[in-house]
N, C-alpha and C. Protein backbone atom coordinates (compact mmCIF):
# COMPACT_ATOMS: atom_id res chain seq x y z
N UNK A 1 -79.54 73.15 -93.88
CA UNK A 1 -79.59 71.62 -94.53
C UNK A 1 -81.22 71.59 -94.53
N UNK A 2 -81.57 70.96 -95.77
CA UNK A 2 -82.85 70.40 -95.81
C UNK A 2 -83.39 69.24 -95.12
N UNK A 3 -84.46 69.30 -94.69
CA UNK A 3 -84.96 68.21 -94.21
C UNK A 3 -84.74 66.65 -94.58
N UNK A 4 -85.07 66.83 -96.08
CA UNK A 4 -84.90 65.57 -96.81
C UNK A 4 -83.72 64.99 -96.97
N UNK A 5 -82.70 65.98 -96.80
CA UNK A 5 -81.19 65.50 -97.17
C UNK A 5 -80.62 65.27 -95.69
N UNK A 6 -81.31 65.22 -94.88
CA UNK A 6 -80.52 64.97 -93.28
C UNK A 6 -80.54 63.78 -93.08
N UNK A 7 -79.36 63.41 -92.37
CA UNK A 7 -78.87 61.75 -92.27
C UNK A 7 -79.83 61.29 -91.22
N UNK A 8 -80.54 62.09 -90.34
CA UNK A 8 -81.52 61.51 -89.55
C UNK A 8 -82.60 60.59 -90.33
N UNK A 9 -82.94 61.15 -91.41
CA UNK A 9 -84.05 60.66 -92.30
C UNK A 9 -83.68 59.24 -92.55
N UNK A 10 -82.23 58.78 -92.59
CA UNK A 10 -82.02 57.31 -92.64
C UNK A 10 -82.40 56.34 -91.59
N UNK A 11 -82.79 56.69 -90.63
CA UNK A 11 -83.01 56.02 -89.42
C UNK A 11 -84.47 55.27 -89.61
N UNK A 12 -84.66 53.84 -89.32
CA UNK A 12 -85.77 53.39 -89.93
C UNK A 12 -86.94 53.65 -89.03
N UNK A 13 -88.19 53.93 -89.46
CA UNK A 13 -89.32 54.22 -88.58
C UNK A 13 -89.19 55.44 -87.77
N UNK A 14 -88.57 56.29 -88.21
CA UNK A 14 -88.33 57.96 -87.33
C UNK A 14 -89.61 58.30 -87.26
N UNK A 15 -89.94 58.76 -86.43
CA UNK A 15 -91.41 59.72 -86.19
C UNK A 15 -90.98 61.32 -86.42
N UNK A 16 -91.93 62.05 -86.83
CA UNK A 16 -91.65 63.22 -86.58
C UNK A 16 -91.25 63.90 -85.40
N UNK A 17 -91.86 63.47 -84.40
CA UNK A 17 -91.53 64.10 -82.98
C UNK A 17 -89.87 63.56 -82.77
N UNK A 18 -89.69 62.24 -82.96
CA UNK A 18 -88.06 61.95 -82.95
C UNK A 18 -87.30 62.93 -83.62
N UNK A 19 -87.59 62.96 -85.10
CA UNK A 19 -86.76 63.59 -86.02
C UNK A 19 -86.70 65.14 -85.40
N UNK A 20 -87.92 65.87 -85.00
CA UNK A 20 -87.57 67.07 -84.45
C UNK A 20 -86.65 67.17 -83.23
N UNK A 21 -86.76 66.12 -82.57
CA UNK A 21 -86.09 66.22 -81.20
C UNK A 21 -84.82 65.82 -81.34
N UNK A 22 -84.23 64.92 -82.45
CA UNK A 22 -83.01 64.82 -82.76
C UNK A 22 -82.35 65.98 -83.33
N UNK A 23 -83.24 66.31 -84.28
CA UNK A 23 -82.47 67.78 -85.07
C UNK A 23 -82.06 68.85 -84.14
N UNK A 24 -83.08 69.10 -83.06
CA UNK A 24 -82.75 70.09 -82.11
C UNK A 24 -81.51 69.52 -81.34
N UNK A 25 -81.48 68.38 -80.93
CA UNK A 25 -80.30 67.96 -79.85
C UNK A 25 -79.16 67.88 -80.73
N UNK A 26 -78.98 67.69 -81.92
CA UNK A 26 -77.83 67.56 -82.50
C UNK A 26 -77.20 68.85 -83.42
N UNK A 27 -77.86 69.95 -83.05
CA UNK A 27 -77.43 71.21 -83.48
C UNK A 27 -76.12 71.40 -83.19
N UNK A 28 -75.21 71.96 -83.86
CA UNK A 28 -73.81 72.40 -83.24
C UNK A 28 -72.72 71.30 -83.48
N UNK A 29 -73.18 70.11 -84.13
CA UNK A 29 -72.31 68.86 -84.28
C UNK A 29 -71.92 69.29 -85.59
N UNK A 30 -70.42 68.83 -85.72
CA UNK A 30 -69.84 69.10 -87.09
C UNK A 30 -70.13 67.74 -87.85
N UNK A 31 -69.63 67.53 -88.89
CA UNK A 31 -70.14 66.49 -89.85
C UNK A 31 -69.53 65.09 -89.19
N UNK A 32 -68.23 65.10 -88.66
CA UNK A 32 -67.69 63.92 -88.05
C UNK A 32 -68.62 63.37 -86.75
N UNK A 33 -68.72 64.57 -86.02
CA UNK A 33 -69.53 64.26 -84.82
C UNK A 33 -71.00 63.67 -84.97
N UNK A 34 -71.71 64.20 -86.01
CA UNK A 34 -72.90 63.62 -86.62
C UNK A 34 -72.82 62.21 -87.07
N UNK A 35 -71.79 61.93 -87.76
CA UNK A 35 -71.53 60.60 -88.11
C UNK A 35 -71.57 59.50 -86.96
N UNK A 36 -70.66 60.06 -86.00
CA UNK A 36 -70.35 59.24 -84.85
C UNK A 36 -71.79 59.12 -84.02
N UNK A 37 -72.31 60.07 -84.15
CA UNK A 37 -73.64 60.08 -83.08
C UNK A 37 -74.55 59.12 -83.79
N UNK A 38 -74.88 59.27 -85.18
CA UNK A 38 -75.65 58.26 -85.82
C UNK A 38 -75.21 56.87 -85.61
N UNK A 39 -73.80 56.62 -85.92
CA UNK A 39 -73.27 54.92 -85.44
C UNK A 39 -73.83 54.65 -84.20
N UNK A 40 -73.63 55.48 -83.27
CA UNK A 40 -73.84 55.15 -81.80
C UNK A 40 -75.30 54.77 -81.64
N UNK A 41 -76.00 55.93 -81.96
CA UNK A 41 -77.53 55.98 -81.76
C UNK A 41 -78.43 55.05 -82.51
N UNK A 42 -77.86 54.91 -83.81
CA UNK A 42 -78.54 53.76 -84.60
C UNK A 42 -78.52 52.39 -83.89
N UNK A 43 -77.56 52.04 -83.35
CA UNK A 43 -77.44 50.73 -82.69
C UNK A 43 -78.24 50.71 -81.43
N UNK A 44 -78.46 51.72 -80.76
CA UNK A 44 -79.15 51.72 -79.48
C UNK A 44 -80.78 51.88 -79.45
N UNK A 45 -81.08 52.59 -80.44
CA UNK A 45 -82.74 53.01 -80.67
C UNK A 45 -83.44 51.88 -80.87
N UNK A 46 -84.73 52.10 -80.77
CA UNK A 46 -85.91 51.12 -80.80
C UNK A 46 -86.74 51.60 -82.01
N UNK A 47 -87.06 51.02 -82.93
CA UNK A 47 -88.00 51.25 -84.02
C UNK A 47 -89.54 51.17 -83.53
N UNK A 48 -90.28 52.20 -83.57
CA UNK A 48 -91.78 51.94 -83.05
C UNK A 48 -92.46 50.73 -83.46
N UNK A 49 -92.20 50.45 -84.62
CA UNK A 49 -93.03 49.20 -85.09
C UNK A 49 -92.38 47.92 -84.36
N UNK A 50 -91.08 47.94 -84.18
CA UNK A 50 -90.47 46.86 -83.34
C UNK A 50 -90.94 46.81 -81.95
N UNK A 51 -91.08 48.06 -81.42
CA UNK A 51 -91.59 47.93 -80.12
C UNK A 51 -93.27 47.35 -79.93
N UNK A 52 -94.02 47.61 -81.19
CA UNK A 52 -95.32 46.90 -81.14
C UNK A 52 -95.00 45.45 -81.23
N UNK A 53 -94.29 44.94 -81.81
CA UNK A 53 -94.12 43.61 -81.77
C UNK A 53 -93.67 42.87 -80.63
N UNK A 54 -92.74 43.72 -79.84
CA UNK A 54 -92.29 43.41 -78.64
C UNK A 54 -93.58 43.49 -77.46
N UNK A 55 -94.37 44.26 -77.57
CA UNK A 55 -95.53 44.40 -76.81
C UNK A 55 -96.71 43.33 -77.13
N UNK A 56 -96.79 42.86 -78.51
CA UNK A 56 -97.71 41.96 -78.72
C UNK A 56 -97.03 40.73 -78.09
N UNK A 57 -95.70 40.28 -78.51
CA UNK A 57 -95.01 39.19 -77.88
C UNK A 57 -95.29 39.33 -75.96
N UNK A 58 -95.38 40.44 -75.54
CA UNK A 58 -95.24 40.63 -74.04
C UNK A 58 -96.52 40.17 -73.62
N UNK A 59 -97.62 40.40 -74.47
CA UNK A 59 -99.12 40.13 -73.96
C UNK A 59 -99.28 38.84 -74.29
N UNK A 60 -98.78 38.30 -75.34
CA UNK A 60 -99.23 36.70 -75.60
C UNK A 60 -98.28 35.66 -75.08
N UNK A 61 -97.06 35.97 -74.98
CA UNK A 61 -96.03 34.90 -74.55
C UNK A 61 -95.33 35.37 -73.18
N UNK A 62 -94.55 36.22 -73.49
CA UNK A 62 -93.70 36.60 -72.16
C UNK A 62 -93.98 38.09 -71.68
N UNK A 63 -94.63 37.86 -70.56
CA UNK A 63 -95.21 39.37 -70.07
C UNK A 63 -94.10 40.21 -69.57
N UNK A 64 -93.80 41.57 -69.77
CA UNK A 64 -92.91 42.34 -69.77
C UNK A 64 -91.84 42.19 -70.62
N UNK A 65 -91.88 41.53 -71.62
CA UNK A 65 -90.56 41.41 -72.50
C UNK A 65 -90.36 42.94 -73.14
N UNK A 66 -91.46 43.69 -73.31
CA UNK A 66 -91.10 44.96 -73.82
C UNK A 66 -90.25 45.74 -72.83
N UNK A 67 -90.65 45.69 -71.52
CA UNK A 67 -90.02 46.52 -70.40
C UNK A 67 -88.52 46.07 -70.49
N UNK A 68 -88.22 44.83 -70.47
CA UNK A 68 -87.00 44.25 -70.37
C UNK A 68 -86.25 44.86 -71.64
N UNK A 69 -86.69 44.82 -72.90
CA UNK A 69 -85.95 45.47 -74.03
C UNK A 69 -85.60 46.77 -73.88
N UNK A 70 -86.47 47.47 -73.28
CA UNK A 70 -86.21 48.92 -73.04
C UNK A 70 -85.24 49.28 -71.98
N UNK A 71 -84.99 48.32 -71.09
CA UNK A 71 -84.03 48.54 -69.82
C UNK A 71 -84.84 48.52 -68.74
N UNK A 72 -86.01 48.48 -68.54
CA UNK A 72 -86.92 48.66 -67.30
C UNK A 72 -86.95 47.57 -66.78
N UNK A 73 -85.79 46.92 -66.12
CA UNK A 73 -85.68 45.76 -65.77
C UNK A 73 -86.76 45.26 -64.45
N UNK A 74 -87.03 46.43 -63.51
CA UNK A 74 -87.72 46.20 -62.34
C UNK A 74 -89.31 46.36 -63.07
N UNK A 75 -89.59 46.96 -63.91
CA UNK A 75 -91.10 46.77 -64.48
C UNK A 75 -91.39 45.44 -65.29
N UNK A 76 -90.15 45.06 -65.66
CA UNK A 76 -90.10 43.87 -66.63
C UNK A 76 -90.69 42.59 -65.67
N UNK A 77 -89.77 42.78 -64.56
CA UNK A 77 -89.83 41.61 -63.40
C UNK A 77 -91.31 41.79 -62.94
N UNK A 78 -91.72 42.77 -62.62
CA UNK A 78 -93.09 43.03 -62.19
C UNK A 78 -94.25 42.43 -63.17
N UNK A 79 -93.99 42.90 -64.26
CA UNK A 79 -95.03 42.26 -65.36
C UNK A 79 -95.06 40.81 -65.47
N UNK A 80 -93.79 40.28 -65.19
CA UNK A 80 -93.34 38.82 -65.56
C UNK A 80 -94.25 38.13 -64.38
N UNK A 81 -94.08 38.74 -63.11
CA UNK A 81 -94.88 37.97 -61.83
C UNK A 81 -96.23 38.30 -61.63
N UNK A 82 -96.91 39.49 -62.39
CA UNK A 82 -98.08 39.64 -62.43
C UNK A 82 -98.99 39.50 -63.58
N UNK A 83 -98.43 38.78 -64.51
CA UNK A 83 -99.04 38.61 -65.96
C UNK A 83 -99.36 39.76 -66.44
N UNK A 84 -98.28 40.61 -66.67
CA UNK A 84 -98.56 42.07 -67.24
C UNK A 84 -99.42 43.07 -66.58
N UNK A 85 -99.43 42.78 -65.09
CA UNK A 85 -100.60 43.49 -64.39
C UNK A 85 -101.83 43.01 -64.81
N UNK A 86 -102.11 41.58 -64.63
CA UNK A 86 -103.56 41.25 -65.21
C UNK A 86 -103.72 41.58 -66.80
N UNK A 87 -102.79 41.63 -67.56
CA UNK A 87 -102.91 41.83 -68.88
C UNK A 87 -103.15 43.19 -69.08
N UNK A 88 -103.65 44.26 -68.07
CA UNK A 88 -104.05 45.59 -68.35
C UNK A 88 -102.55 46.43 -68.74
N UNK A 89 -101.65 46.14 -68.00
CA UNK A 89 -100.40 46.91 -68.32
C UNK A 89 -99.98 46.65 -69.65
N UNK A 90 -99.96 45.29 -69.94
CA UNK A 90 -99.67 44.80 -71.36
C UNK A 90 -100.43 45.55 -72.63
N UNK A 91 -101.52 45.64 -72.20
CA UNK A 91 -102.56 46.15 -73.41
C UNK A 91 -102.42 47.74 -73.36
N UNK A 92 -102.11 48.47 -72.27
CA UNK A 92 -101.41 49.95 -72.14
C UNK A 92 -100.29 50.04 -73.15
N UNK A 93 -99.66 49.07 -72.76
CA UNK A 93 -98.15 49.36 -73.58
C UNK A 93 -98.43 49.14 -74.86
N UNK A 94 -99.40 48.33 -75.37
CA UNK A 94 -99.42 48.08 -76.87
C UNK A 94 -100.16 49.47 -77.36
N UNK A 95 -100.90 50.02 -76.86
CA UNK A 95 -101.68 51.37 -76.99
C UNK A 95 -100.49 52.51 -77.06
N UNK A 96 -99.69 52.51 -76.22
CA UNK A 96 -98.52 53.47 -76.19
C UNK A 96 -97.17 53.01 -76.50
N UNK A 97 -97.23 52.07 -77.39
CA UNK A 97 -95.93 51.61 -77.94
C UNK A 97 -94.98 52.78 -78.53
N UNK A 98 -95.67 53.60 -79.25
CA UNK A 98 -94.87 54.79 -79.72
C UNK A 98 -94.35 55.59 -78.51
N UNK A 99 -94.85 55.86 -77.75
CA UNK A 99 -94.15 56.70 -76.59
C UNK A 99 -93.33 55.84 -75.93
N UNK A 100 -93.39 54.65 -75.74
CA UNK A 100 -92.23 53.87 -74.97
C UNK A 100 -90.98 54.02 -75.74
N UNK A 101 -91.34 53.72 -77.12
CA UNK A 101 -90.10 53.82 -78.00
C UNK A 101 -89.38 55.00 -77.86
N UNK A 102 -90.42 56.37 -78.15
CA UNK A 102 -89.59 57.56 -78.03
C UNK A 102 -88.98 57.87 -76.80
N UNK A 103 -89.46 57.49 -75.54
CA UNK A 103 -89.08 57.64 -74.44
C UNK A 103 -87.68 57.12 -74.20
N UNK A 104 -87.56 55.83 -74.70
CA UNK A 104 -86.28 54.98 -74.84
C UNK A 104 -85.32 55.87 -75.57
N UNK A 105 -85.73 56.12 -76.92
CA UNK A 105 -84.91 56.64 -77.62
C UNK A 105 -84.41 58.23 -77.25
N UNK A 106 -85.25 58.90 -76.66
CA UNK A 106 -84.62 60.33 -76.01
C UNK A 106 -83.45 59.94 -74.92
N UNK A 107 -83.50 58.70 -74.15
CA UNK A 107 -82.58 58.31 -73.27
C UNK A 107 -81.23 57.86 -74.08
N UNK A 108 -81.35 57.15 -75.05
CA UNK A 108 -80.26 56.75 -75.83
C UNK A 108 -79.69 57.98 -76.69
N UNK A 109 -80.54 58.92 -77.27
CA UNK A 109 -79.79 60.12 -77.84
C UNK A 109 -78.95 60.81 -76.79
N UNK A 110 -79.57 61.12 -75.66
CA UNK A 110 -78.80 61.71 -74.53
C UNK A 110 -77.41 61.19 -74.32
N UNK A 111 -77.52 59.92 -74.21
CA UNK A 111 -76.36 58.86 -73.89
C UNK A 111 -75.37 59.04 -75.20
N UNK A 112 -75.81 59.10 -76.21
CA UNK A 112 -75.09 59.19 -77.55
C UNK A 112 -74.29 60.56 -77.73
N UNK A 113 -75.19 61.37 -77.49
CA UNK A 113 -74.63 62.77 -77.47
C UNK A 113 -73.46 63.15 -76.35
N UNK A 114 -73.86 62.50 -75.33
CA UNK A 114 -72.62 62.55 -74.09
C UNK A 114 -71.27 61.91 -74.56
N UNK A 115 -71.52 60.83 -75.52
CA UNK A 115 -70.34 60.08 -75.78
C UNK A 115 -69.65 60.88 -76.86
N UNK A 116 -70.58 61.60 -77.87
CA UNK A 116 -69.65 62.12 -79.04
C UNK A 116 -68.93 63.39 -78.38
N UNK A 117 -69.92 64.05 -77.41
CA UNK A 117 -69.16 65.60 -76.91
C UNK A 117 -68.03 65.17 -76.04
N UNK A 118 -67.97 64.27 -75.42
CA UNK A 118 -66.95 63.85 -74.63
C UNK A 118 -65.62 63.32 -75.25
N UNK A 119 -65.84 63.01 -76.53
CA UNK A 119 -64.83 62.52 -77.38
C UNK A 119 -64.51 61.02 -77.39
N UNK A 120 -65.63 60.52 -76.85
CA UNK A 120 -65.44 58.85 -76.78
C UNK A 120 -65.59 58.24 -78.09
N UNK A 121 -65.88 58.86 -79.30
CA UNK A 121 -65.83 58.01 -80.65
C UNK A 121 -64.89 58.89 -81.26
N UNK A 122 -63.77 58.93 -81.20
CA UNK A 122 -62.81 59.68 -82.15
C UNK A 122 -62.09 58.65 -83.09
N UNK A 123 -61.88 58.83 -84.12
CA UNK A 123 -61.24 58.02 -85.02
C UNK A 123 -59.67 57.90 -84.71
N UNK A 124 -59.08 56.77 -84.52
CA UNK A 124 -57.66 56.82 -84.33
C UNK A 124 -56.68 57.60 -85.34
N UNK A 125 -55.61 58.11 -84.91
CA UNK A 125 -54.87 58.58 -85.77
C UNK A 125 -54.11 57.84 -86.63
N UNK A 126 -53.86 57.88 -87.75
CA UNK A 126 -53.08 56.99 -88.72
C UNK A 126 -51.63 56.69 -88.10
N UNK A 127 -51.27 55.35 -88.10
CA UNK A 127 -50.01 55.11 -87.50
C UNK A 127 -48.91 54.90 -88.50
N UNK A 128 -47.84 55.21 -88.42
CA UNK A 128 -46.68 54.71 -89.15
C UNK A 128 -46.00 53.45 -88.80
N UNK A 129 -45.43 52.79 -89.45
CA UNK A 129 -44.83 51.61 -88.99
C UNK A 129 -43.44 51.95 -88.26
N UNK A 130 -43.12 51.31 -87.50
CA UNK A 130 -42.00 51.84 -86.53
C UNK A 130 -40.87 50.63 -86.56
N UNK A 131 -39.48 51.12 -87.00
CA UNK A 131 -38.72 49.73 -86.96
C UNK A 131 -38.18 49.43 -85.88
N UNK A 132 -38.42 48.10 -85.36
CA UNK A 132 -37.80 47.68 -84.24
C UNK A 132 -36.46 47.09 -84.33
N UNK A 133 -35.51 48.04 -83.74
CA UNK A 133 -34.09 47.41 -83.76
C UNK A 133 -33.58 47.15 -82.12
N UNK A 134 -33.09 46.23 -82.24
CA UNK A 134 -32.73 45.58 -80.95
C UNK A 134 -31.17 45.92 -80.82
C-alpha cells in the first residue's frame, strides 16, 4: 500500500514518527481490524498541536492541565501544587509537547491494538426477527 493512500494519513496532525510507528504496529491487520483500530485509536490519541495548547493553558491558567489530559494524574497534582514545578516543568512541557503527545499516542496505540487483536471490536452478526409464539 502506498503511504499516500494509507488510512493512517487521515489522522489530524500525524507526525512522521507517529506514522512510521503506527505503520509498523499495524502490519498484519486485515481491513476490518484496521478500521476498528482507527476508530478506537482516533478517539484516544492527542494531536501535537492540541497538546501545545494544553501546555500553554497549563503554564498560564491551570498548572498540570497537560498532565491530567494525558492521564498522568500524579504529575498533574504535583504540577498543580507546585505551580508547574515553579513554571520550569511547564516550560519544559511546552518545549517537549510533541514528545508528550507521541508517548501518550504510543500507549493508546498499544491499547487499541490489544482491543482489536482480542476481538473487543467485532461487528455484531446480523439478526433475523424471531416470532414470539406463546
